[in-house]
C-alpha atoms as a PDB file:
ATOM      1  CA  MET A   1      -6.608  -9.993  20.341  1.00  0.00           C
ATOM      2  CA  ALA A   2      -5.131  -6.210  19.805  1.00  0.00           C
ATOM      3  CA  GLU A   3      -7.002  -3.497  21.524  1.00  0.00           C
ATOM      4  CA  ILE A   4      -8.510  -0.984  19.007  1.00  0.00           C
ATOM      5  CA  GLY A   5      -8.453   2.740  20.112  1.00  0.00           C
ATOM      6  CA  SER A   6      -7.429   6.109  19.255  1.00  0.00           C
ATOM      7  CA  ASP A   7      -4.912   6.505  22.409  1.00  0.00           C
ATOM      8  CA  ILE A   8      -1.794   8.303  20.539  1.00  0.00           C
ATOM      9  CA  ASP A   9       0.191   8.124  23.683  1.00  0.00           C
ATOM     10  CA  LYS A  10      -0.446   4.620  24.213  1.00  0.00           C
ATOM     11  CA  ALA A  11       0.876   3.829  20.640  1.00  0.00           C
ATOM     12  CA  ALA A  12       3.652   5.994  21.085  1.00  0.00           C
ATOM     13  CA  ALA A  13       4.756   3.903  24.276  1.00  0.00           C
ATOM     14  CA  ILE A  14       4.647   0.735  22.601  1.00  0.00           C
ATOM     15  CA  LEU A  15       6.568   1.816  19.705  1.00  0.00           C
ATOM     16  CA  LYS A  16       9.339   3.309  21.819  1.00  0.00           C
ATOM     17  CA  ALA A  17       9.296  -0.174  23.514  1.00  0.00           C
ATOM     18  CA  GLY A  18      10.356  -1.672  20.351  1.00  0.00           C
ATOM     19  CA  ASP A  19       7.043  -3.071  19.724  1.00  0.00           C
ATOM     20  CA  VAL A  20       4.979  -2.784  16.715  1.00  0.00           C
ATOM     21  CA  VAL A  21       1.324  -1.084  16.375  1.00  0.00           C
ATOM     22  CA  GLY A  22      -1.543  -0.878  13.535  1.00  0.00           C
ATOM     23  CA  ILE A  23      -1.427   2.928  12.171  1.00  0.00           C
ATOM     24  CA  PRO A  24      -4.075   4.662   9.623  1.00  0.00           C
ATOM     25  CA  THR A  25      -2.977   6.660   6.742  1.00  0.00           C
ATOM     26  CA  GLU A  26      -4.755   7.979   3.727  1.00  0.00           C
ATOM     27  CA  THR A  27      -3.847   4.765   1.603  1.00  0.00           C
ATOM     28  CA  VAL A  28      -4.179   1.569   3.431  1.00  0.00           C
ATOM     29  CA  TYR A  29      -3.428   0.733   7.211  1.00  0.00           C
ATOM     30  CA  GLY A  30       0.207  -0.078   8.233  1.00  0.00           C
ATOM     31  CA  LEU A  31       1.929  -2.118  10.476  1.00  0.00           C
ATOM     32  CA  ALA A  32       4.349   0.290  12.263  1.00  0.00           C
ATOM     33  CA  GLY A  33       7.628  -0.154  14.289  1.00  0.00           C
ATOM     34  CA  ASN A  34      10.737   1.977  14.617  1.00  0.00           C
ATOM     35  CA  ALA A  35      12.587   2.434  11.220  1.00  0.00           C
ATOM     36  CA  LEU A  36      15.847   2.801  12.870  1.00  0.00           C
ATOM     37  CA  ASN A  37      15.350  -0.192  15.269  1.00  0.00           C
ATOM     38  CA  GLU A  38      16.496  -3.601  13.614  1.00  0.00           C
ATOM     39  CA  GLU A  39      14.739  -5.406  16.302  1.00  0.00           C
ATOM     40  CA  ALA A  40      11.449  -3.567  15.342  1.00  0.00           C
ATOM     41  CA  ILE A  41      11.939  -3.835  11.617  1.00  0.00           C
ATOM     42  CA  LEU A  42      12.405  -7.939  12.270  1.00  0.00           C
ATOM     43  CA  LYS A  43       9.315  -7.761  14.142  1.00  0.00           C
ATOM     44  CA  ILE A  44       7.246  -6.320  11.275  1.00  0.00           C
ATOM     45  CA  TYR A  45       8.735  -8.878   8.915  1.00  0.00           C
ATOM     46  CA  HIS A  46       7.706 -11.782  11.321  1.00  0.00           C
ATOM     47  CA  VAL A  47       4.230 -10.607  11.948  1.00  0.00           C
ATOM     48  CA  LYS A  48       3.467  -9.982   8.235  1.00  0.00           C
ATOM     49  CA  ASN A  49       5.499 -13.172   7.231  1.00  0.00           C
ATOM     50  CA  ARG A  50       7.266 -10.717   4.648  1.00  0.00           C
ATOM     51  CA  PRO A  51      10.439 -11.778   2.626  1.00  0.00           C
ATOM     52  CA  LYS A  52      13.255  -9.978   3.721  1.00  0.00           C
ATOM     53  CA  PHE A  53      14.108  -8.689  -0.042  1.00  0.00           C
ATOM     54  CA  ASP A  54      11.084  -6.622  -0.115  1.00  0.00           C
ATOM     55  CA  PRO A  55      12.262  -3.064   1.192  1.00  0.00           C
ATOM     56  CA  LEU A  56       9.856  -1.038   3.757  1.00  0.00           C
ATOM     57  CA  ILE A  57       8.793   2.409   3.483  1.00  0.00           C
ATOM     58  CA  ALA A  58      10.026   5.004   6.378  1.00  0.00           C
ATOM     59  CA  HIS A  59       7.106   7.427   7.429  1.00  0.00           C
ATOM     60  CA  VAL A  60       7.901  11.096   8.852  1.00  0.00           C
ATOM     61  CA  ASP A  61       5.907  14.182   9.271  1.00  0.00           C
ATOM     62  CA  SER A  62       8.092  16.732   8.265  1.00  0.00           C
ATOM     63  CA  ILE A  63      10.620  17.505   5.402  1.00  0.00           C
ATOM     64  CA  GLY A  64      13.276  17.989   7.688  1.00  0.00           C
ATOM     65  CA  LYS A  65      13.162  14.451   9.271  1.00  0.00           C
ATOM     66  CA  VAL A  66      13.391  13.219   5.648  1.00  0.00           C
ATOM     67  CA  ALA A  67      16.842  15.120   5.439  1.00  0.00           C
ATOM     68  CA  ASP A  68      17.795  13.177   8.905  1.00  0.00           C
ATOM     69  CA  LEU A  69      17.532  10.150   6.721  1.00  0.00           C
ATOM     70  CA  VAL A  70      18.816  10.882   3.378  1.00  0.00           C
ATOM     71  CA  LYS A  71      21.958  12.152   1.809  1.00  0.00           C
ATOM     72  CA  GLU A  72      20.424  14.767  -0.384  1.00  0.00           C
ATOM     73  CA  ILE A  73      16.795  15.769  -1.617  1.00  0.00           C
ATOM     74  CA  PRO A  74      17.269  16.643  -5.339  1.00  0.00           C
ATOM     75  CA  MET A  75      15.493  19.571  -6.422  1.00  0.00           C
ATOM     76  CA  ASP A  76      12.839  17.393  -8.366  1.00  0.00           C
ATOM     77  CA  ALA A  77      12.009  15.588  -5.408  1.00  0.00           C
ATOM     78  CA  GLN A  78      11.657  18.887  -3.274  1.00  0.00           C
ATOM     79  CA  LYS A  79       9.073  19.941  -5.896  1.00  0.00           C
ATOM     80  CA  LEU A  80       7.355  16.813  -5.493  1.00  0.00           C
ATOM     81  CA  ALA A  81       7.525  16.922  -1.850  1.00  0.00           C
ATOM     82  CA  ASP A  82       6.072  20.632  -1.875  1.00  0.00           C
ATOM     83  CA  GLN A  83       3.293  19.628  -4.230  1.00  0.00           C
ATOM     84  CA  PHE A  84       1.961  15.862  -2.732  1.00  0.00           C
ATOM     85  CA  TRP A  85       3.256  16.017   1.036  1.00  0.00           C
ATOM     86  CA  PRO A  86       1.670  15.091   2.799  1.00  0.00           C
ATOM     87  CA  GLY A  87      -0.100  12.476   0.692  1.00  0.00           C
ATOM     88  CA  PRO A  88       0.294   9.069  -1.229  1.00  0.00           C
ATOM     89  CA  LEU A  89       3.461   9.697  -2.707  1.00  0.00           C
ATOM     90  CA  THR A  90       6.606   7.698  -1.704  1.00  0.00           C
ATOM     91  CA  ILE A  91      10.108   8.909  -2.681  1.00  0.00           C
ATOM     92  CA  LEU A  92      13.225   7.055  -3.176  1.00  0.00           C
ATOM     93  CA  LEU A  93      16.483   8.690  -2.169  1.00  0.00           C
ATOM     94  CA  ASP A  94      19.976   7.886  -1.554  1.00  0.00           C
ATOM     95  CA  LYS A  95      20.171   6.785   2.549  1.00  0.00           C
ATOM     96  CA  LYS A  96      22.504   7.845   5.072  1.00  0.00           C
ATOM     97  CA  PRO A  97      24.754   5.108   6.536  1.00  0.00           C
ATOM     98  CA  GLU A  98      22.892   4.980   9.975  1.00  0.00           C
ATOM     99  CA  VAL A  99      19.876   4.051   8.226  1.00  0.00           C
ATOM    100  CA  PRO A 100      19.388   0.209   8.829  1.00  0.00           C
ATOM    101  CA  ASP A 101      20.119  -1.930   5.745  1.00  0.00           C
ATOM    102  CA  LEU A 102      17.303  -4.265   6.978  1.00  0.00           C
ATOM    103  CA  LEU A 103      14.696  -1.645   6.335  1.00  0.00           C
ATOM    104  CA  THR A 104      16.011  -0.969   2.797  1.00  0.00           C
ATOM    105  CA  SER A 105      16.810  -4.678   2.067  1.00  0.00           C
ATOM    106  CA  GLY A 106      20.622  -3.825   1.624  1.00  0.00           C
ATOM    107  CA  LEU A 107      19.679  -1.349  -1.337  1.00  0.00           C
ATOM    108  CA  ASP A 108      21.417   1.995  -1.107  1.00  0.00           C
ATOM    109  CA  ARG A 109      18.319   4.004  -1.225  1.00  0.00           C
ATOM    110  CA  VAL A 110      15.361   4.415   1.335  1.00  0.00           C
ATOM    111  CA  ALA A 111      11.719   4.793   0.581  1.00  0.00           C
ATOM    112  CA  VAL A 112      10.275   7.708   2.415  1.00  0.00           C
ATOM    113  CA  ARG A 113       6.824   9.666   2.800  1.00  0.00           C
ATOM    114  CA  ILE A 114       4.691  12.000   4.735  1.00  0.00           C
ATOM    115  CA  PRO A 115       1.352  10.185   5.195  1.00  0.00           C
ATOM    116  CA  ASN A 116      -1.879  12.291   5.248  1.00  0.00           C
ATOM    117  CA  HIS A 117      -3.573  11.249   8.173  1.00  0.00           C
ATOM    118  CA  PRO A 118      -3.919  13.422  11.350  1.00  0.00           C
ATOM    119  CA  LEU A 119      -3.794  10.736  13.980  1.00  0.00           C
ATOM    120  CA  THR A 120      -0.526   9.120  12.391  1.00  0.00           C
ATOM    121  CA  LEU A 121       1.076  12.834  11.580  1.00  0.00           C
ATOM    122  CA  GLU A 122       0.094  13.501  15.303  1.00  0.00           C
ATOM    123  CA  LEU A 123       1.774  10.150  16.263  1.00  0.00           C
ATOM    124  CA  LEU A 124       4.835  10.868  14.338  1.00  0.00           C
ATOM    125  CA  GLY A 125       5.004  14.405  15.634  1.00  0.00           C
ATOM    126  CA  SER A 126       5.392  12.746  19.205  1.00  0.00           C
ATOM    127  CA  ILE A 127       8.184  10.336  18.728  1.00  0.00           C
ATOM    128  CA  ASP A 128      11.632  10.915  17.686  1.00  0.00           C
ATOM    129  CA  PHE A 129      12.066   8.212  15.226  1.00  0.00           C
ATOM    130  CA  PRO A 130      10.643   7.240  11.602  1.00  0.00           C
ATOM    131  CA  LEU A 131       8.052   4.710  11.381  1.00  0.00           C
ATOM    132  CA  ALA A 132       8.450   1.614   9.093  1.00  0.00           C
ATOM    133  CA  ALA A 133       4.878   0.950   8.161  1.00  0.00           C
ATOM    134  CA  PRO A 134       4.097  -1.634   5.196  1.00  0.00           C
ATOM    135  CA  SER A 135       0.297  -2.450   4.893  1.00  0.00           C
ATOM    136  CA  ALA A 136      -0.803  -4.369   7.953  1.00  0.00           C
ATOM    137  CA  ASN A 137      -1.916  -7.660   6.640  1.00  0.00           C
ATOM    138  CA  PRO A 138      -0.175 -10.991   6.210  1.00  0.00           C
ATOM    139  CA  PHE A 139       2.237 -10.658   3.065  1.00  0.00           C
ATOM    140  CA  GLY A 140       0.915 -11.392  -0.078  1.00  0.00           C
ATOM    141  CA  TYR A 141      -2.804 -11.060   1.197  1.00  0.00           C
ATOM    142  CA  VAL A 142      -5.233  -8.021   0.620  1.00  0.00           C
ATOM    143  CA  SER A 143      -4.488  -4.711   2.155  1.00  0.00           C
ATOM    144  CA  PRO A 144      -6.420  -3.612   5.182  1.00  0.00           C
ATOM    145  CA  THR A 145      -8.367  -0.245   4.851  1.00  0.00           C
ATOM    146  CA  SER A 146     -10.094  -0.295   8.132  1.00  0.00           C
ATOM    147  CA  ALA A 147      -9.085  -0.942  11.948  1.00  0.00           C
ATOM    148  CA  LYS A 148     -11.374  -4.108  11.919  1.00  0.00           C
ATOM    149  CA  HIS A 149      -9.481  -5.550   8.625  1.00  0.00           C
ATOM    150  CA  VAL A 150      -6.183  -5.185  10.447  1.00  0.00           C
ATOM    151  CA  GLU A 151      -7.793  -6.859  13.529  1.00  0.00           C
ATOM    152  CA  ASP A 152      -8.929  -9.624  11.452  1.00  0.00           C
ATOM    153  CA  GLN A 153      -5.566 -10.674  10.153  1.00  0.00           C
ATOM    154  CA  LEU A 154      -3.239  -9.691  12.862  1.00  0.00           C
ATOM    155  CA  GLY A 155      -5.159  -9.144  15.969  1.00  0.00           C
ATOM    156  CA  LYS A 156      -3.593 -12.000  17.412  1.00  0.00           C
ATOM    157  CA  LYS A 157       0.005 -11.062  16.728  1.00  0.00           C
ATOM    158  CA  ILE A 158       0.060  -7.143  17.601  1.00  0.00           C
ATOM    159  CA  PRO A 159      -0.746  -5.691  20.925  1.00  0.00           C
ATOM    160  CA  TYR A 160      -2.598  -2.215  19.646  1.00  0.00           C
ATOM    161  CA  ILE A 161      -4.396  -0.842  16.511  1.00  0.00           C
ATOM    162  CA  LEU A 162      -4.483   2.866  16.167  1.00  0.00           C
ATOM    163  CA  ASP A 163      -8.066   3.298  14.818  1.00  0.00           C
ATOM    164  CA  GLY A 164      -8.301   6.324  12.278  1.00  0.00           C
ATOM    165  CA  GLY A 165     -11.505   5.392  10.351  1.00  0.00           C
ATOM    166  CA  ASP A 166     -11.973   3.835   6.864  1.00  0.00           C
ATOM    167  CA  CYS A 167      -8.791   4.821   4.621  1.00  0.00           C
ATOM    168  CA  ARG A 168      -9.980   7.862   2.204  1.00  0.00           C
ATOM    169  CA  VAL A 169      -7.441   6.648  -0.523  1.00  0.00           C
ATOM    170  CA  GLY A 170      -7.724   2.803  -0.182  1.00  0.00           C
ATOM    171  CA  LEU A 171      -4.712   2.506  -2.562  1.00  0.00           C
ATOM    172  CA  GLU A 172      -1.053   2.296  -1.608  1.00  0.00           C
ATOM    173  CA  SER A 173       1.280   5.105  -2.469  1.00  0.00           C
ATOM    174  CA  THR A 174       2.787   5.664  -5.811  1.00  0.00           C
ATOM    175  CA  ILE A 175       6.724   5.175  -5.473  1.00  0.00           C
ATOM    176  CA  ILE A 176       9.153   7.105  -7.683  1.00  0.00           C
ATOM    177  CA  GLY A 177      13.150   7.553  -7.857  1.00  0.00           C
ATOM    178  CA  PHE A 178      15.623   9.276  -9.989  1.00  0.00           C
ATOM    179  CA  GLU A 179      18.043   7.706 -12.120  1.00  0.00           C
ATOM    180  CA  GLU A 180      20.512   9.475 -14.366  1.00  0.00           C
ATOM    181  CA  GLY A 181      18.329  12.606 -14.410  1.00  0.00           C
ATOM    182  CA  GLU A 182      15.224  10.730 -15.034  1.00  0.00           C
ATOM    183  CA  VAL A 183      12.158  10.328 -12.538  1.00  0.00           C
ATOM    184  CA  ILE A 184      10.904   6.726 -12.544  1.00  0.00           C
ATOM    185  CA  VAL A 185       7.673   5.279 -11.200  1.00  0.00           C
ATOM    186  CA  TYR A 186       8.462   1.925  -9.383  1.00  0.00           C
ATOM    187  CA  ARG A 187       5.025   1.421  -8.079  1.00  0.00           C
ATOM    188  CA  LEU A 188       1.565   2.824  -9.694  1.00  0.00           C
ATOM    189  CA  GLY A 189      -0.449   4.007  -6.671  1.00  0.00           C
ATOM    190  CA  GLY A 190      -2.559   7.039  -5.010  1.00  0.00           C
ATOM    191  CA  THR A 191      -0.677   9.758  -6.916  1.00  0.00           C
ATOM    192  CA  LYS A 192      -1.233   9.971 -10.560  1.00  0.00           C
ATOM    193  CA  VAL A 193       1.415   9.759 -12.884  1.00  0.00           C
ATOM    194  CA  GLU A 194      -0.369  12.805 -14.865  1.00  0.00           C
ATOM    195  CA  ASP A 195       0.146  14.812 -11.701  1.00  0.00           C
ATOM    196  CA  ILE A 196       3.453  14.143 -11.109  1.00  0.00           C
ATOM    197  CA  GLU A 197       4.305  14.916 -14.760  1.00  0.00           C
ATOM    198  CA  ALA A 198       2.772  18.113 -14.349  1.00  0.00           C
ATOM    199  CA  VAL A 199       5.237  19.023 -11.670  1.00  0.00           C
ATOM    200  CA  VAL A 200       8.605  17.407 -13.156  1.00  0.00           C
ATOM    201  CA  GLY A 201       7.544  16.600 -16.712  1.00  0.00           C
ATOM    202  CA  LYS A 202       7.731  13.288 -18.533  1.00  0.00           C
ATOM    203  CA  VAL A 203       8.395  10.240 -16.417  1.00  0.00           C
ATOM    204  CA  LYS A 204       9.473   6.552 -17.122  1.00  0.00           C
ATOM    205  CA  ILE A 205       7.440   3.838 -16.040  1.00  0.00           C
ATOM    206  CA  ASN A 206       9.425   0.881 -14.492  1.00  0.00           C
ATOM    207  CA  VAL A 207       6.619  -1.366 -12.793  1.00  0.00           C
ATOM    208  CA  ASN A 208       8.227  -4.727 -13.633  1.00  0.00           C
ATOM    209  CA  MET A 209       6.875  -6.854 -10.968  1.00  0.00           C
ATOM    210  CA  SER A 210      10.471  -8.112  -9.899  1.00  0.00           C
ATOM    211  CA  SER A 211      11.280 -10.842  -7.604  1.00  0.00           C
ATOM    212  CA  ASN A 212      13.966  -8.907  -6.601  1.00  0.00           C
ATOM    213  CA  PRO A 213      12.599  -5.543  -6.209  1.00  0.00           C
ATOM    214  CA  ALA A 214      14.360  -2.179  -6.454  1.00  0.00           C
ATOM    215  CA  ALA A 215      11.481  -0.443  -4.554  1.00  0.00           C
ATOM    216  CA  PRO A 216       8.362  -1.919  -1.864  1.00  0.00           C
ATOM    217  CA  GLY A 217       5.749  -3.630  -3.828  1.00  0.00           C
ATOM    218  CA  MET A 218       7.394  -4.758  -6.944  1.00  0.00           C
ATOM    219  CA  LEU A 219       7.119  -8.418  -6.330  1.00  0.00           C
ATOM    220  CA  LYS A 220       5.152  -9.892  -8.833  1.00  0.00           C
ATOM    221  CA  SER A 221       2.927 -12.088  -6.903  1.00  0.00           C
ATOM    222  CA  HIS A 222       1.198  -9.423  -4.427  1.00  0.00           C
ATOM    223  CA  TYR A 223      -2.275  -8.604  -2.921  1.00  0.00           C
ATOM    224  CA  SER A 224      -3.463 -12.009  -3.763  1.00  0.00           C
ATOM    225  CA  PRO A 225      -6.846 -13.257  -2.820  1.00  0.00           C
ATOM    226  CA  GLY A 226      -7.146 -17.216  -1.933  1.00  0.00           C
ATOM    227  CA  ARG A 227      -8.832 -17.675  -5.310  1.00  0.00           C
ATOM    228  CA  LYS A 228      -7.671 -18.125  -8.999  1.00  0.00           C
ATOM    229  CA  LEU A 229      -8.284 -14.499 -10.487  1.00  0.00           C
ATOM    230  CA  ILE A 230      -8.813 -14.453 -14.114  1.00  0.00           C
ATOM    231  CA  ILE A 231      -8.543 -11.093 -15.790  1.00  0.00           C
ATOM    232  CA  GLY A 232     -10.489 -10.547 -19.277  1.00  0.00           C
ATOM    233  CA  ASP A 233     -13.992 -10.096 -20.703  1.00  0.00           C
ATOM    234  CA  ILE A 234     -16.445 -11.217 -17.829  1.00  0.00           C
ATOM    235  CA  VAL A 235     -19.237 -11.780 -19.788  1.00  0.00           C
ATOM    236  CA  GLU A 236     -17.168 -14.127 -22.256  1.00  0.00           C
ATOM    237  CA  ASN A 237     -15.314 -15.736 -19.479  1.00  0.00           C
ATOM    238  CA  LEU A 238     -18.631 -16.420 -17.644  1.00  0.00           C
ATOM    239  CA  LYS A 239     -19.767 -18.897 -20.313  1.00  0.00           C
ATOM    240  CA  SER A 240     -17.267 -21.656 -19.119  1.00  0.00           C
ATOM    241  CA  HIS A 241     -17.772 -20.876 -15.388  1.00  0.00           C
ATOM    242  CA  ASP A 242     -20.749 -21.852 -13.131  1.00  0.00           C
ATOM    243  CA  PRO A 243     -22.291 -18.346 -12.121  1.00  0.00           C
ATOM    244  CA  SER A 244     -23.064 -20.065  -8.657  1.00  0.00           C
ATOM    245  CA  THR A 245     -19.479 -20.492  -7.679  1.00  0.00           C
ATOM    246  CA  THR A 246     -18.084 -17.779  -9.451  1.00  0.00           C
ATOM    247  CA  GLY A 247     -16.907 -14.242  -8.122  1.00  0.00           C
ATOM    248  CA  ILE A 248     -17.169 -10.894 -10.237  1.00  0.00           C
ATOM    249  CA  ILE A 249     -15.097  -7.674  -9.647  1.00  0.00           C
ATOM    250  CA  SER A 250     -16.270  -5.549 -12.207  1.00  0.00           C
ATOM    251  CA  PHE A 251     -15.587  -1.581 -13.067  1.00  0.00           C
ATOM    252  CA  LYS A 252     -19.691  -0.681 -12.775  1.00  0.00           C
ATOM    253  CA  ASP A 253     -21.444  -3.381 -14.743  1.00  0.00           C
ATOM    254  CA  ILE A 254     -24.045  -5.828 -12.918  1.00  0.00           C
ATOM    255  CA  HIS A 255     -23.117  -9.182 -13.916  1.00  0.00           C
ATOM    256  CA  ASN A 256     -25.374 -12.604 -13.539  1.00  0.00           C
ATOM    257  CA  VAL A 257     -24.046 -14.027 -10.447  1.00  0.00           C
ATOM    258  CA  PRO A 258     -25.380 -14.014  -6.705  1.00  0.00           C
ATOM    259  CA  GLU A 259     -25.309 -10.531  -5.202  1.00  0.00           C
ATOM    260  CA  THR A 260     -22.793 -12.212  -2.394  1.00  0.00           C
ATOM    261  CA  ASN A 261     -20.595 -13.167  -5.078  1.00  0.00           C
ATOM    262  CA  ARG A 262     -20.153  -9.906  -7.092  1.00  0.00           C
ATOM    263  CA  ALA A 263     -17.820  -6.451  -6.049  1.00  0.00           C
ATOM    264  CA  ILE A 264     -18.592  -3.368  -8.196  1.00  0.00           C
ATOM    265  CA  LEU A 265     -15.784  -1.022  -7.940  1.00  0.00           C
ATOM    266  CA  SER A 266     -18.163   2.200  -9.061  1.00  0.00           C
ATOM    267  CA  PRO A 267     -21.581   1.823 -10.392  1.00  0.00           C
ATOM    268  CA  SER A 268     -20.860   5.436 -11.552  1.00  0.00           C
ATOM    269  CA  GLY A 269     -17.877   4.875 -13.472  1.00  0.00           C
ATOM    270  CA  ASP A 270     -15.562   7.109 -10.527  1.00  0.00           C
ATOM    271  CA  MET A 271     -12.031   5.938 -10.743  1.00  0.00           C
ATOM    272  CA  ASP A 272     -11.558   7.709  -7.184  1.00  0.00           C
ATOM    273  CA  GLU A 273     -14.514   5.479  -5.803  1.00  0.00           C
ATOM    274  CA  ALA A 274     -12.959   2.066  -7.959  1.00  0.00           C
ATOM    275  CA  ALA A 275      -9.556   2.734  -6.277  1.00  0.00           C
ATOM    276  CA  ARG A 276     -11.103   3.136  -2.883  1.00  0.00           C
ATOM    277  CA  ASN A 277     -13.025  -0.083  -3.282  1.00  0.00           C
ATOM    278  CA  ILE A 278     -10.469  -2.339  -5.092  1.00  0.00           C
ATOM    279  CA  PHE A 279      -8.983  -3.965  -1.810  1.00  0.00           C
ATOM    280  CA  SER A 280     -12.680  -4.293  -0.388  1.00  0.00           C
ATOM    281  CA  ALA A 281     -13.683  -6.180  -3.544  1.00  0.00           C
ATOM    282  CA  LEU A 282     -10.702  -8.392  -3.165  1.00  0.00           C
ATOM    283  CA  ARG A 283     -11.379  -9.016   0.270  1.00  0.00           C
ATOM    284  CA  LYS A 284     -15.015  -9.673  -0.361  1.00  0.00           C
ATOM    285  CA  MET A 285     -13.967 -12.539  -2.745  1.00  0.00           C
ATOM    286  CA  ASP A 286     -11.780 -13.821  -0.253  1.00  0.00           C
ATOM    287  CA  GLN A 287     -14.525 -14.385   1.972  1.00  0.00           C
ATOM    288  CA  ALA A 288     -17.206 -15.749  -0.780  1.00  0.00           C
ATOM    289  CA  HIS A 289     -17.858 -19.277  -1.273  1.00  0.00           C
ATOM    290  CA  ILE A 290     -16.799 -19.349  -4.678  1.00  0.00           C
ATOM    291  CA  ASN A 291     -14.044 -21.565  -6.712  1.00  0.00           C
ATOM    292  CA  VAL A 292     -12.762 -18.757  -9.196  1.00  0.00           C
ATOM    293  CA  ILE A 293     -12.904 -15.116  -9.284  1.00  0.00           C
ATOM    294  CA  LEU A 294     -13.430 -13.158 -12.847  1.00  0.00           C
ATOM    295  CA  ALA A 295     -12.363  -9.730 -13.058  1.00  0.00           C
ATOM    296  CA  GLU A 296     -11.437  -6.788 -15.637  1.00  0.00           C
ATOM    297  CA  PHE A 297      -9.530  -3.822 -16.443  1.00  0.00           C
ATOM    298  CA  VAL A 298     -10.740  -0.438 -15.473  1.00  0.00           C
ATOM    299  CA  PRO A 299      -9.921   2.210 -17.934  1.00  0.00           C
ATOM    300  CA  ASN A 300      -6.029   2.577 -17.906  1.00  0.00           C
ATOM    301  CA  GLU A 301      -5.711   6.092 -17.009  1.00  0.00           C
ATOM    302  CA  GLY A 302      -5.226   8.015 -13.808  1.00  0.00           C
ATOM    303  CA  LEU A 303      -5.700   6.000 -11.122  1.00  0.00           C
ATOM    304  CA  GLY A 304      -6.830   3.358 -13.242  1.00  0.00           C
ATOM    305  CA  LYS A 305      -3.366   2.320 -13.901  1.00  0.00           C
ATOM    306  CA  ALA A 306      -2.605   1.785 -10.357  1.00  0.00           C
ATOM    307  CA  ILE A 307      -5.899  -0.441  -9.974  1.00  0.00           C
ATOM    308  CA  ASN A 308      -5.163  -2.519 -13.080  1.00  0.00           C
ATOM    309  CA  ASP A 309      -1.588  -3.124 -11.676  1.00  0.00           C
ATOM    310  CA  ARG A 310      -2.998  -4.408  -8.125  1.00  0.00           C
ATOM    311  CA  LEU A 311      -5.204  -6.739 -10.440  1.00  0.00           C
ATOM    312  CA  ARG A 312      -2.092  -8.149 -12.487  1.00  0.00           C
ATOM    313  CA  ARG A 313      -0.280  -8.858  -8.880  1.00  0.00           C
ATOM    314  CA  ALA A 314      -3.391 -10.441  -7.516  1.00  0.00           C
ATOM    315  CA  SER A 315      -3.874 -12.792 -10.496  1.00  0.00           C
ATOM    316  CA  ALA A 316      -0.243 -13.646 -10.667  1.00  0.00           C
END
């Protein structure tokens, strides 16, 4: 099994040798490897069993290192970086030729971000290459928000997990890019659309759940538990299901199923709390003795848009 610890030098040595490690971020735990080393990128794909057509995000610790990877940083991108980095925002920019096509799945743009976690920022500062770091889970499964989650799912396949505690945001980064002067949101996530618009004005939402994605995290079927998930009116849907073998993911209400079979995202109706709990709720349902999961959308505002996006993908 993978060793879990907080030794940054050890994690850096493994990465420099071309291997992969689990790392913490404020969003979810990542499976990290050298983003400029094709063998390391292939190892990420292999460990995750991830389709080669789903691109990866490059993580760095400074805007200067972003400039090493991309042809230019547009004014709006700079404004967003100044406002939200380090943080849960990924920006798609035209890549330099030395960025491997394997990292971008052959696309002309590379996804970059500066994560907001002290251990990982220190790790990134100790190495001279960016880290490709998709979520540290088998492809299509629930994203991990603790070192233990990584160990449970990938512990037999990787040598080391850098333990940075539980993820503060618990929801992947928002991904944005630029097309013909417009700011495009490709994936809803930990940075609110409303906050982005406060910096650069109105944006276009292009979260099309494609099977040929323009950005990471756009595949239709993603974040899926091992049970059928039905989204709708939980009370109404419960009428046609046995409560003893049905799981419930609700926003804030308690429903008539055993406590082991239900997950409440936020009893107080707090959207930030719900975002932190969405993946642990899916994970709980995956481990419960149930036949089906009934879920409901949360209010479609702020981070609620991203939570609802994850629920749609989990039900695909």
